[in-house]
Protein backbone atom coordinates (compact mmCIF):
# COMPACT_ATOMS: atom_id res chain seq x y z
CA MET A 1 80.94 -188.29 221.86
CA ILE A 2 79.33 -190.09 224.59
CA ALA A 3 82.07 -189.04 227.04
CA GLY A 4 81.49 -185.45 225.89
CA ALA A 5 77.72 -185.75 226.54
CA ILE A 6 78.34 -187.09 230.23
CA HIS A 7 80.83 -184.19 230.94
CA ILE A 8 77.88 -181.75 229.81
CA LEU A 9 75.30 -183.40 231.73
CA ARG A 10 77.51 -183.54 235.02
CA LEU A 11 78.54 -179.70 234.46
CA GLY A 12 75.01 -178.90 233.62
CA ARG A 13 74.03 -180.31 237.06
CA ALA A 14 76.82 -178.18 238.69
CA GLY A 15 75.51 -174.95 236.67
CA PHE A 16 71.95 -175.82 237.94
CA VAL A 17 73.17 -175.82 241.60
CA PHE A 18 75.11 -172.58 241.23
CA ALA A 19 72.07 -170.88 239.68
CA ARG A 20 69.77 -172.23 242.24
CA GLU A 21 72.04 -171.07 245.13
CA GLY A 22 72.16 -167.55 243.57
CA VAL A 23 75.89 -167.73 242.77
CA LEU A 24 75.35 -166.61 239.11
CA GLY A 25 74.05 -163.39 240.45
CA LEU A 26 77.39 -162.53 241.38
CA VAL A 27 78.62 -162.50 237.81
CA ASP A 28 79.09 -159.20 236.21
CA PRO A 29 76.89 -159.39 232.88
CA GLN A 30 78.87 -156.52 231.26
CA ALA A 31 81.80 -158.80 230.97
CA LEU A 32 80.05 -161.29 229.04
CA PRO A 33 79.23 -161.45 225.33
CA PRO A 34 75.45 -160.89 224.27
CA PRO A 35 74.35 -164.56 224.10
CA ALA A 36 75.91 -165.38 227.62
CA ARG A 37 74.11 -162.30 229.11
CA LEU A 38 70.73 -163.80 227.78
CA GLY A 39 71.70 -167.32 229.37
CA LEU A 40 72.62 -165.60 232.75
CA ARG A 41 69.24 -163.80 232.88
CA LEU A 42 67.23 -167.02 232.23
CA ALA A 43 69.33 -168.90 234.83
CA ARG A 44 68.38 -166.40 237.49
CA PHE A 45 64.69 -167.38 237.21
CA ILE A 46 65.37 -170.49 238.96
CA GLU A 47 67.38 -168.77 241.74
CA ARG A 48 66.53 -169.53 245.31
CA ARG A 49 64.92 -166.46 246.95
CA GLY A 50 66.58 -165.10 250.14
CA THR A 51 69.97 -166.84 249.51
CA GLY A 52 71.85 -164.60 251.98
CA THR A 53 75.15 -162.98 251.57
CA ARG A 54 77.67 -163.74 248.58
CA SER A 55 79.74 -165.89 250.97
CA ASP A 56 76.62 -167.92 251.88
CA ARG A 57 75.92 -168.50 248.40
CA LEU A 58 79.28 -169.75 247.26
CA THR A 59 79.62 -171.84 250.27
CA ALA A 60 76.33 -173.63 249.92
CA ALA A 61 76.63 -174.33 246.22
CA LEU A 62 80.15 -175.74 246.61
CA THR A 63 79.35 -177.81 249.63
CA ARG A 64 76.29 -179.16 248.06
CA LEU A 65 78.25 -180.30 244.97
CA GLY A 66 80.74 -182.32 247.08
CA PRO A 67 84.30 -182.57 248.12
CA THR A 68 85.98 -181.85 244.78
CA TYR A 69 84.00 -178.57 244.51
CA VAL A 70 84.99 -177.71 248.04
CA LYS A 71 88.68 -178.18 247.36
CA LEU A 72 88.39 -176.26 244.10
CA GLY A 73 86.94 -173.39 246.02
CA GLN A 74 89.64 -173.46 248.58
CA PHE A 75 92.12 -173.54 245.81
CA LEU A 76 90.58 -170.74 243.98
CA SER A 77 90.64 -168.52 247.07
CA THR A 78 94.55 -168.69 246.65
CA ARG A 79 94.06 -167.31 242.99
CA PRO A 80 92.67 -163.77 243.30
CA ASP A 81 94.21 -163.18 239.80
CA VAL A 82 91.68 -165.61 238.46
CA VAL A 83 88.49 -164.99 240.41
CA GLY A 84 89.01 -161.51 241.65
CA ALA A 85 89.92 -160.43 245.16
CA THR A 86 86.39 -160.05 246.41
CA ILE A 87 85.46 -163.69 245.48
CA ALA A 88 88.73 -164.95 246.67
CA ARG A 89 87.99 -163.49 250.08
CA ASP A 90 84.53 -164.91 250.16
CA LEU A 91 86.01 -168.24 249.42
CA GLU A 92 88.50 -168.07 252.55
CA SER A 93 85.41 -168.82 254.69
CA LEU A 94 84.73 -171.98 253.04
CA GLN A 95 84.83 -174.82 255.77
CA ASP A 96 85.67 -178.32 254.95
CA LYS A 97 83.58 -180.10 257.68
CA VAL A 98 81.37 -182.98 257.04
CA PRO A 99 79.79 -185.75 259.11
CA PRO A 100 82.19 -188.78 259.78
CA PHE A 101 81.59 -192.25 258.10
CA ASP A 102 81.05 -195.54 259.87
CA GLN A 103 83.58 -196.56 262.50
CA LYS A 104 83.58 -200.16 261.28
CA LEU A 105 84.29 -198.97 257.81
CA ALA A 106 87.24 -196.90 259.03
CA GLU A 107 88.69 -200.05 260.76
CA GLN A 108 88.18 -202.02 257.74
CA ILE A 109 90.13 -199.46 255.70
CA VAL A 110 92.97 -199.59 258.35
CA VAL A 111 93.16 -203.62 258.15
CA GLU A 112 93.20 -203.42 254.32
CA THR A 113 95.79 -200.61 254.16
CA LEU A 114 98.19 -202.00 256.82
CA GLY A 115 97.52 -205.62 256.22
CA MET A 116 97.13 -206.54 259.82
CA PRO A 117 94.07 -206.75 262.25
CA ILE A 118 93.14 -203.65 264.02
CA ALA A 119 93.97 -205.10 267.41
CA GLU A 120 97.49 -205.88 266.27
CA ALA A 121 98.14 -202.34 264.73
CA TYR A 122 96.64 -200.46 267.62
CA ALA A 123 96.10 -201.19 271.49
CA SER A 124 92.94 -199.04 271.16
CA PHE A 125 91.23 -197.47 268.41
CA GLY A 126 88.66 -194.71 269.18
CA PRO A 127 85.90 -193.10 267.36
CA PRO A 128 86.50 -190.20 264.92
CA ILE A 129 87.11 -186.63 266.47
CA ALA A 130 87.22 -184.81 263.28
CA ALA A 131 86.01 -185.36 259.76
CA ALA A 132 86.48 -183.44 256.25
CA SER A 133 85.58 -184.18 252.72
CA ILE A 134 88.72 -186.08 252.16
CA ALA A 135 89.50 -187.80 255.51
CA GLN A 136 88.88 -188.13 258.91
CA VAL A 137 90.90 -188.45 262.20
CA HIS A 138 90.71 -190.97 265.08
CA LYS A 139 92.54 -191.05 268.39
CA ALA A 140 94.35 -194.32 269.08
CA THR A 141 97.07 -195.87 271.19
CA VAL A 142 100.08 -198.16 270.26
CA ARG A 143 102.06 -200.29 272.45
CA ASP A 144 105.95 -199.85 272.39
CA GLY A 145 107.17 -202.58 274.64
CA GLU A 146 105.43 -201.81 278.00
CA VAL A 147 104.81 -198.30 277.15
CA LEU A 148 101.49 -197.03 275.70
CA ARG A 149 101.56 -193.85 273.84
CA ASP A 150 98.68 -191.89 271.93
CA VAL A 151 98.56 -191.45 268.38
CA ALA A 152 96.44 -189.67 265.50
CA VAL A 153 95.19 -191.70 262.82
CA LYS A 154 94.14 -190.03 259.59
CA ILE A 155 91.88 -192.27 257.08
CA LEU A 156 91.03 -191.42 253.63
CA ARG A 157 87.14 -191.49 252.76
CA PRO A 158 85.94 -194.54 250.95
CA HIS A 159 85.75 -193.94 247.14
CA VAL A 160 86.89 -190.39 247.38
CA ALA A 161 89.65 -190.71 244.91
CA ASP A 162 87.13 -192.04 242.38
CA ARG A 163 84.83 -188.94 242.95
CA PHE A 164 87.77 -186.59 242.58
CA ARG A 165 88.94 -188.34 239.20
CA ALA A 166 85.38 -187.96 237.78
CA ASP A 167 85.06 -184.47 238.68
CA LEU A 168 88.59 -183.49 237.66
CA SER A 169 87.91 -184.82 234.13
CA ASP A 170 84.80 -182.73 234.09
CA TYR A 171 87.09 -179.64 234.95
CA TYR A 172 89.46 -180.47 232.10
CA PHE A 173 86.56 -180.74 229.60
CA ALA A 174 85.30 -177.45 230.80
CA ALA A 175 88.74 -175.84 230.53
CA ARG A 176 89.49 -177.18 227.02
CA LEU A 177 86.10 -175.84 225.95
CA ALA A 178 86.81 -172.53 227.42
CA GLU A 179 89.99 -172.16 225.63
CA LYS A 180 88.60 -173.26 222.49
CA LEU A 181 85.46 -171.02 222.49
CA VAL A 182 86.74 -168.09 224.49
CA PRO A 183 90.07 -167.06 223.43
CA ASP A 184 90.32 -164.26 226.09
CA SER A 185 90.31 -167.04 228.71
CA ARG A 186 93.66 -168.41 227.53
CA ARG A 187 95.41 -165.63 229.28
CA LEU A 188 94.19 -167.27 232.66
CA LYS A 189 95.37 -170.71 231.64
CA PRO A 190 92.40 -172.62 232.62
CA ILE A 191 93.98 -176.06 231.74
CA GLY A 192 97.10 -175.00 233.85
CA ILE A 193 94.69 -174.12 236.74
CA VAL A 194 93.16 -177.65 236.54
CA ASP A 195 96.75 -179.06 236.20
CA THR A 196 97.72 -177.43 239.56
CA LEU A 197 94.58 -178.45 241.35
CA ALA A 198 95.03 -182.15 240.06
CA ARG A 199 98.72 -182.22 241.43
CA SER A 200 97.60 -180.99 244.68
CA MET A 201 94.73 -183.48 244.88
CA ALA A 202 97.05 -186.43 244.12
CA ILE A 203 99.23 -185.46 247.10
CA GLU A 204 96.14 -185.23 249.42
CA LEU A 205 94.85 -188.54 248.05
CA ASP A 206 97.88 -190.52 248.98
CA LEU A 207 98.62 -190.18 252.60
CA ARG A 208 102.13 -191.57 252.27
CA LEU A 209 103.07 -188.28 250.43
CA GLU A 210 101.58 -186.26 253.24
CA ALA A 211 103.70 -188.29 255.76
CA ALA A 212 106.82 -187.47 253.51
CA ALA A 213 105.82 -183.81 253.70
CA ALA A 214 105.50 -183.90 257.62
CA SER A 215 108.79 -185.91 257.82
CA GLU A 216 110.69 -183.43 255.59
CA MET A 217 109.35 -180.45 257.56
CA ALA A 218 110.33 -182.23 260.75
CA GLU A 219 113.86 -182.76 259.53
CA ARG A 220 114.33 -179.20 258.34
CA THR A 221 112.93 -177.60 261.41
CA ARG A 222 114.66 -179.78 264.16
CA ASP A 223 116.53 -177.15 265.63
CA ASP A 224 113.98 -174.37 265.01
CA PRO A 225 113.29 -172.30 268.30
CA GLY A 226 109.60 -172.67 269.25
CA PHE A 227 108.44 -174.94 266.54
CA ARG A 228 107.81 -178.53 266.02
CA VAL A 229 106.08 -181.03 263.85
CA PRO A 230 104.41 -184.49 265.03
CA SER A 231 106.71 -187.51 264.27
CA VAL A 232 105.11 -189.97 261.55
CA ASP A 233 104.72 -193.76 262.58
CA TRP A 234 105.84 -195.23 259.26
CA ASN A 235 104.90 -198.65 260.39
CA ARG A 236 101.25 -197.86 260.61
CA THR A 237 101.06 -195.55 257.72
CA GLY A 238 100.01 -196.47 253.87
CA ARG A 239 98.31 -194.85 251.06
CA ASN A 240 95.00 -194.55 252.97
CA VAL A 241 96.02 -194.25 256.49
CA LEU A 242 98.44 -191.89 258.20
CA THR A 243 99.60 -192.36 261.84
CA THR A 244 101.29 -189.55 263.71
CA GLU A 245 102.25 -188.68 267.12
CA TRP A 246 99.28 -187.50 269.10
CA ILE A 247 99.58 -183.70 269.94
CA ASP A 248 98.12 -182.84 273.51
CA GLY A 249 98.12 -179.20 272.73
CA LEU A 250 95.96 -176.05 272.96
CA LYS A 251 94.00 -174.51 270.21
CA LEU A 252 95.42 -170.98 269.58
CA GLY A 253 91.97 -169.41 269.97
CA ASP A 254 91.71 -170.84 273.52
CA ARG A 255 92.95 -167.70 275.46
CA ALA A 256 91.77 -169.11 278.83
CA GLY A 257 93.74 -172.37 278.30
CA LEU A 258 96.90 -170.47 277.04
CA ASP A 259 96.62 -168.22 280.23
CA ALA A 260 96.02 -171.20 282.55
CA ALA A 261 99.15 -172.86 280.84
CA GLY A 262 101.32 -169.87 281.46
CA ILE A 263 101.83 -169.59 277.77
CA ASP A 264 102.31 -165.87 276.35
CA PRO A 265 100.19 -165.42 273.57
CA ARG A 266 102.11 -162.43 272.26
CA ALA A 267 105.55 -164.65 272.12
CA LEU A 268 103.30 -167.23 270.37
CA GLY A 269 102.14 -164.77 267.68
CA GLN A 270 105.80 -163.88 267.10
CA ILE A 271 106.77 -167.43 266.66
CA VAL A 272 103.89 -168.04 264.03
CA ILE A 273 105.39 -165.15 261.93
CA GLN A 274 109.07 -165.91 262.35
CA SER A 275 108.50 -169.67 261.67
CA PHE A 276 106.76 -169.03 258.40
CA LEU A 277 109.24 -166.69 257.23
CA ARG A 278 112.08 -168.93 258.24
CA HIS A 279 110.71 -171.91 256.43
CA ALA A 280 109.83 -169.99 253.13
CA LEU A 281 113.23 -168.10 253.04
CA ARG A 282 115.57 -170.63 254.44
CA ASP A 283 114.15 -173.74 253.15
CA GLY A 284 111.83 -172.81 250.27
CA PHE A 285 109.44 -175.28 251.64
CA PHE A 286 106.42 -174.06 253.91
CA HIS A 287 103.22 -175.13 255.28
CA ALA A 288 100.52 -173.53 252.93
CA ASP A 289 97.53 -174.11 255.10
CA MET A 290 98.55 -172.57 258.35
CA HIS A 291 95.07 -171.62 259.75
CA GLN A 292 94.07 -171.97 263.38
CA GLY A 293 92.70 -175.43 262.93
CA ASN A 294 96.02 -176.76 261.84
CA LEU A 295 98.05 -175.00 264.59
CA PHE A 296 98.50 -176.00 268.36
CA ALA A 297 100.51 -174.85 271.38
CA ASP A 298 101.95 -177.62 273.45
CA ARG A 299 102.57 -177.26 277.18
CA ALA A 300 106.12 -175.94 276.68
CA GLY A 301 104.67 -172.94 274.68
CA ASN A 302 106.03 -174.51 271.18
CA LEU A 303 103.98 -173.90 268.12
CA VAL A 304 103.02 -177.38 266.80
CA ALA A 305 101.74 -177.68 263.02
CA VAL A 306 99.76 -180.55 261.61
CA ASP A 307 98.00 -181.54 258.32
CA PHE A 308 100.72 -181.32 255.62
CA GLY A 309 98.43 -182.05 252.65
CA ILE A 310 99.07 -178.52 251.14
CA MET A 311 102.71 -177.50 251.06
CA GLY A 312 104.45 -174.70 249.13
CA ARG A 313 107.84 -174.60 247.57
CA ILE A 314 109.82 -171.65 246.07
CA GLY A 315 113.22 -171.71 244.46
CA PRO A 316 116.42 -169.64 245.31
CA LYS A 317 115.38 -166.79 243.04
CA GLU A 318 112.10 -166.38 244.65
CA ARG A 319 113.51 -166.54 248.07
CA ARG A 320 116.00 -163.70 247.18
CA PHE A 321 112.91 -161.78 245.65
CA LEU A 322 110.98 -162.17 248.97
CA ALA A 323 113.77 -161.38 251.28
CA GLU A 324 115.09 -158.39 249.30
CA ILE A 325 111.78 -156.64 248.92
CA LEU A 326 110.73 -157.16 252.44
CA LEU A 327 114.10 -155.68 253.73
CA GLY A 328 113.75 -152.81 251.10
CA PHE A 329 110.33 -151.85 252.47
CA ILE A 330 111.61 -152.07 256.04
CA THR A 331 114.73 -149.93 255.16
CA LYS A 332 112.62 -147.55 252.60
CA HIS A 333 115.23 -148.55 249.99
CA TYR A 334 112.40 -148.44 247.32
CA ARG A 335 114.92 -148.32 244.27
CA ARG A 336 116.36 -151.48 245.53
CA VAL A 337 112.88 -153.10 245.69
CA ALA A 338 112.43 -152.22 242.08
CA GLU A 339 115.82 -153.50 240.87
CA VAL A 340 115.14 -156.82 242.28
CA HIS A 341 111.87 -157.14 240.28
CA PHE A 342 114.03 -156.27 237.14
CA GLU A 343 116.79 -158.52 238.15
CA ALA A 344 114.54 -161.40 238.54
CA GLY A 345 112.88 -161.02 235.25
CA TYR A 346 109.46 -160.36 236.66
CA VAL A 347 109.23 -156.73 235.03
CA PRO A 348 110.02 -156.51 231.36
CA ALA A 349 113.26 -154.47 230.60
CA HIS A 350 111.59 -151.79 228.54
CA HIS A 351 110.11 -150.34 231.63
CA SER A 352 111.97 -147.60 233.63
CA VAL A 353 113.46 -148.74 236.96
CA ASP A 354 113.07 -145.23 238.34
CA GLU A 355 109.26 -145.03 237.37
CA PHE A 356 108.71 -148.37 238.98
CA ALA A 357 110.51 -147.30 242.15
CA GLN A 358 108.29 -144.45 242.20
CA ALA A 359 105.24 -146.76 242.17
CA ILE A 360 106.89 -148.80 245.07
CA ARG A 361 107.42 -145.55 247.21
CA ALA A 362 103.57 -144.96 246.90
CA ILE A 363 103.06 -148.31 248.81
CA GLY A 364 105.73 -148.00 251.16
CA GLU A 365 105.57 -144.41 252.45
CA PRO A 366 102.00 -144.58 253.75
CA ILE A 367 103.00 -147.79 255.78
CA HIS A 368 105.91 -146.00 257.58
CA SER A 369 103.33 -143.33 258.71
CA ARG A 370 101.26 -145.87 260.57
CA THR A 371 101.53 -147.62 263.99
CA ALA A 372 102.95 -151.00 264.26
CA ASP A 373 99.49 -152.67 264.69
CA GLN A 374 98.15 -151.03 261.57
CA ILE A 375 100.88 -152.46 259.31
CA SER A 376 100.05 -155.41 257.27
CA MET A 377 102.70 -157.18 255.48
CA ALA A 378 100.09 -159.28 253.76
CA LYS A 379 98.33 -156.24 252.31
CA LEU A 380 101.68 -154.77 251.38
CA LEU A 381 102.51 -157.77 249.05
CA SER A 382 98.86 -157.50 247.74
CA LEU A 383 99.21 -153.90 246.76
CA LEU A 384 102.63 -154.60 245.42
CA PHE A 385 101.21 -157.32 242.96
CA GLU A 386 98.48 -154.84 241.94
CA VAL A 387 101.14 -152.34 241.00
CA THR A 388 103.43 -154.72 239.13
CA ALA A 389 100.40 -155.72 236.90
CA ILE A 390 100.62 -152.19 235.64
CA PHE A 391 104.07 -152.78 234.60
CA ASP A 392 103.27 -155.98 232.75
CA MET A 393 104.51 -158.44 235.61
CA LYS A 394 103.18 -161.91 234.67
CA THR A 395 101.47 -163.87 237.20
CA ARG A 396 103.62 -165.94 239.47
CA THR A 397 101.58 -168.77 240.97
CA GLU A 398 104.23 -169.65 243.54
CA LEU A 399 104.32 -166.06 244.73
CA ILE A 400 100.48 -165.84 245.06
CA LEU A 401 100.52 -168.89 247.18
CA LEU A 402 103.18 -167.52 249.33
CA GLN A 403 101.30 -164.39 249.51
CA LYS A 404 98.05 -166.18 250.40
CA THR A 405 99.63 -168.13 253.20
CA MET A 406 101.14 -164.80 254.56
CA VAL A 407 97.67 -163.49 254.70
CA VAL A 408 96.51 -166.35 256.81
CA VAL A 409 99.74 -166.49 258.96
CA GLU A 410 99.30 -162.75 259.78
CA GLY A 411 95.66 -163.24 260.62
CA VAL A 412 96.70 -166.01 263.05
CA ALA A 413 99.48 -163.91 264.64
CA ARG A 414 97.16 -160.90 264.97
CA SER A 415 94.46 -163.09 266.61
CA LEU A 416 97.04 -163.85 269.36
CA ASP A 417 98.43 -160.30 269.80
CA PRO A 418 96.37 -157.56 267.94
CA ARG A 419 99.18 -155.09 268.43
CA LEU A 420 101.77 -157.27 266.93
CA ASP A 421 104.68 -155.35 265.10
CA ILE A 422 104.92 -157.33 261.99
CA TRP A 423 108.14 -155.54 260.94
CA THR A 424 109.96 -156.06 264.18
CA SER A 425 109.05 -159.63 264.16
CA SER A 426 110.19 -160.25 260.60
CA GLU A 427 113.29 -158.16 260.47
CA PRO A 428 115.65 -160.71 262.38
CA VAL A 429 114.84 -163.47 259.94
CA VAL A 430 114.98 -161.43 256.97
CA ARG A 431 118.49 -159.95 257.88
CA GLU A 432 119.77 -163.27 258.90
CA TRP A 433 118.93 -164.69 255.43
CA ILE A 434 120.30 -161.70 253.59
CA THR A 435 123.56 -161.85 255.76
CA ARG A 436 124.04 -165.59 255.11
CA ASN A 437 123.02 -165.67 251.49
CA LEU A 438 123.95 -162.40 250.06
CA GLY A 439 126.95 -161.59 252.38
CA PRO A 440 130.67 -162.84 252.20
CA VAL A 441 129.75 -166.57 253.30
CA GLY A 442 126.99 -166.65 250.57
CA ARG A 443 129.36 -165.28 248.02
CA ILE A 444 132.18 -167.85 248.87
CA GLU A 445 129.55 -170.58 248.66
CA GLU A 446 128.41 -169.27 245.37
CA VAL A 447 132.07 -169.46 243.97
CA GLY A 448 132.63 -172.86 245.49
CA ALA A 449 129.36 -174.03 243.78
CA GLY A 450 130.75 -172.61 240.49
CA ALA A 451 134.00 -174.30 240.84
CA LYS A 452 132.35 -177.65 241.49
CA LEU A 453 130.16 -177.13 238.40
CA VAL A 454 133.17 -176.32 236.19
CA GLY A 455 135.08 -179.19 237.60
CA ARG A 456 132.21 -181.53 236.81
CA ILE A 457 131.93 -180.15 233.12
CA VAL A 458 135.92 -180.62 232.81
CA GLY A 459 135.88 -184.08 234.18
CA GLU A 460 132.98 -185.10 231.87
CA ALA A 461 134.59 -183.26 228.82
CA PRO A 462 136.58 -186.53 227.57
CA ALA A 463 133.42 -188.71 227.54
CA LEU A 464 131.51 -185.77 225.81
CA LEU A 465 134.36 -185.51 223.17
CA GLY A 466 134.30 -189.33 222.64
CA ARG A 467 130.50 -189.39 222.00
CA ALA A 468 131.09 -186.45 219.55
CA ALA A 469 133.58 -188.35 217.58
CA MET A 470 131.58 -191.59 217.33
CA LEU A 471 128.60 -189.44 216.27
CA SER A 472 130.69 -187.86 213.57
CA GLU A 473 132.01 -191.13 212.19
CA ARG A 474 128.38 -192.53 212.15
CA ILE A 475 127.40 -189.38 209.96
CA ASP A 476 130.24 -190.15 207.72
CA ASP A 477 129.21 -193.85 207.22
CA LEU A 478 125.62 -192.68 206.53
CA THR A 479 126.76 -190.15 203.87
CA LYS A 480 129.59 -191.89 202.25
CA ASP A 481 127.70 -193.36 199.33
CA GLY A 482 124.88 -190.50 199.41
CA PHE A 483 122.18 -190.09 202.09
CA VAL A 484 120.29 -193.40 202.49
CA LEU A 485 117.11 -193.86 204.06
CA ALA A 486 115.75 -196.87 205.87
CA PRO A 487 113.06 -198.98 204.00
CA GLU A 488 110.41 -197.86 206.65
CA SER A 489 111.19 -194.37 205.91
CA LEU A 490 110.98 -194.71 202.30
CA LYS A 491 107.70 -196.54 202.60
CA GLY A 492 106.23 -193.71 204.85
CA ILE A 493 107.53 -191.00 202.39
CA GLY A 494 105.71 -192.96 199.52
CA GLU A 495 102.51 -193.21 201.30
CA ALA A 496 102.54 -189.65 202.12
CA GLU A 497 103.39 -188.64 198.58
CA ALA A 498 100.62 -190.91 197.17
CA ARG A 499 98.05 -189.15 199.75
CA ARG A 500 99.28 -185.84 198.48
CA ASN A 501 98.87 -186.79 194.83
CA ARG A 502 95.37 -188.07 195.42
CA SER A 503 94.40 -184.85 197.14
CA SER A 504 95.82 -182.91 194.23
CA THR A 505 93.94 -184.98 191.71
CA VAL A 506 90.55 -184.49 193.64
CA ALA A 507 91.13 -180.72 193.91
CA LEU A 508 91.84 -180.51 190.20
CA TRP A 509 88.60 -182.47 189.40
CA ILE A 510 86.58 -180.09 191.47
CA ILE A 511 88.24 -177.06 190.02
CA ALA A 512 87.33 -178.60 186.54
CA ALA A 513 83.65 -179.38 187.50
CA LEU A 514 83.38 -175.67 188.67
CA LEU A 515 84.85 -174.18 185.47
CA ALA A 516 82.47 -176.52 183.48
CA ALA A 517 79.56 -175.43 185.53
CA ASN A 518 80.35 -171.85 185.01
CA LEU A 519 80.59 -172.20 181.16
CA ILE A 520 77.20 -174.20 181.17
CA TRP A 521 75.33 -171.58 183.27
CA GLY A 522 77.43 -168.44 182.47
């Protein structure tokens, strides 16, 4: 009871901030039941006048409420199926920049996390160069023998984990309440949404997990052309501290710097697109936050990615789905695109493949009539998901994150080369994956994997048969003299029967009393 009251008070404060900043004015009252419409009208009386654009209202409210709400906004920007495409676009502009915390406090966290004095861990430790709601970054140097090298040190904000846990408990309370009081909300799975956010935050709040993601990405992309990942210094990394190689690179938006370094922005834009597709298709593991702040160009013209707090994973079925629909649109094989949806089980079988292929053609044909710089792969996937909704395709959260990342990646690539031909850049990567995985080599590997599985099952067969025989003997022993229950089971059954009898007796007395009253007053 007390916990519920605390949740209501905390959520009430958030509601006040949303109302004050004018966010509730974005809600369509026609979509609400009558009591909620009245509440919405009353809430708008406290709205601050001149609150600016819709994006300004959202960002102001979420920033004022703190880091958990900022992360919630950034997460919901990847879920247009939940908040709608318009609000999702507004949330894309939400920036996660706050003033840094004290230098001495940062050094204290380093000492406590690494278990060594700051002077022992680093030859020098500079002031913060960037700060966000979860962590801030310092530039430092370390000594390897006689060699000094620069490193980046990421440090979690003090007490940020406690703040996130408290706010997440509020979200769970609100999600459970929504599912209980508003049955229609269950379609959007509010508790599942909070679960996903909680898992994402658990990774971001333990920098060892981010270090592991960076290490895995570096291992998978070691031989990738034009792409690399900073190495992790595991000796100076812990739950609250992450130390990586310092990237002396250029921001992708620094056109003058890129020109001065002799780096071709058009080639860099192609690397951005191809690297993302290669990671998603080949590895099923991709950087899901590839905005310009997390991407740099080194002096050799390589693309360098940083900040691996948000990563995406897709399975073999999703990779095949992505590759085949992209190739299908490239080659105008619309029926194959439709068939892939049915084969993956994304569209129910009672629908017509031909009708679905017709809907796919309505998306693909206009694209082929445009110039290369007018074609948007991200827009294509967005339209595709809109059409599939008509054919009862259920929401696939992993595909939505993939599509959202593609929107960002495409935007970064276009900023480097406004006339970038997305299809020409993508086709080599897609065809390579198709040839490797769906061609003869892939088929042979599938047969090999199947043979291994059969061999493993055959090898385990004697043990499985032995366990089955032991189970059969045990059942025979239990039922030889009739089915015997353990004393604890008998006691439980007796207590349950007693409770049932008491309930029946009470019910009979109530019925008798009602009959007597009816006779007396009848």
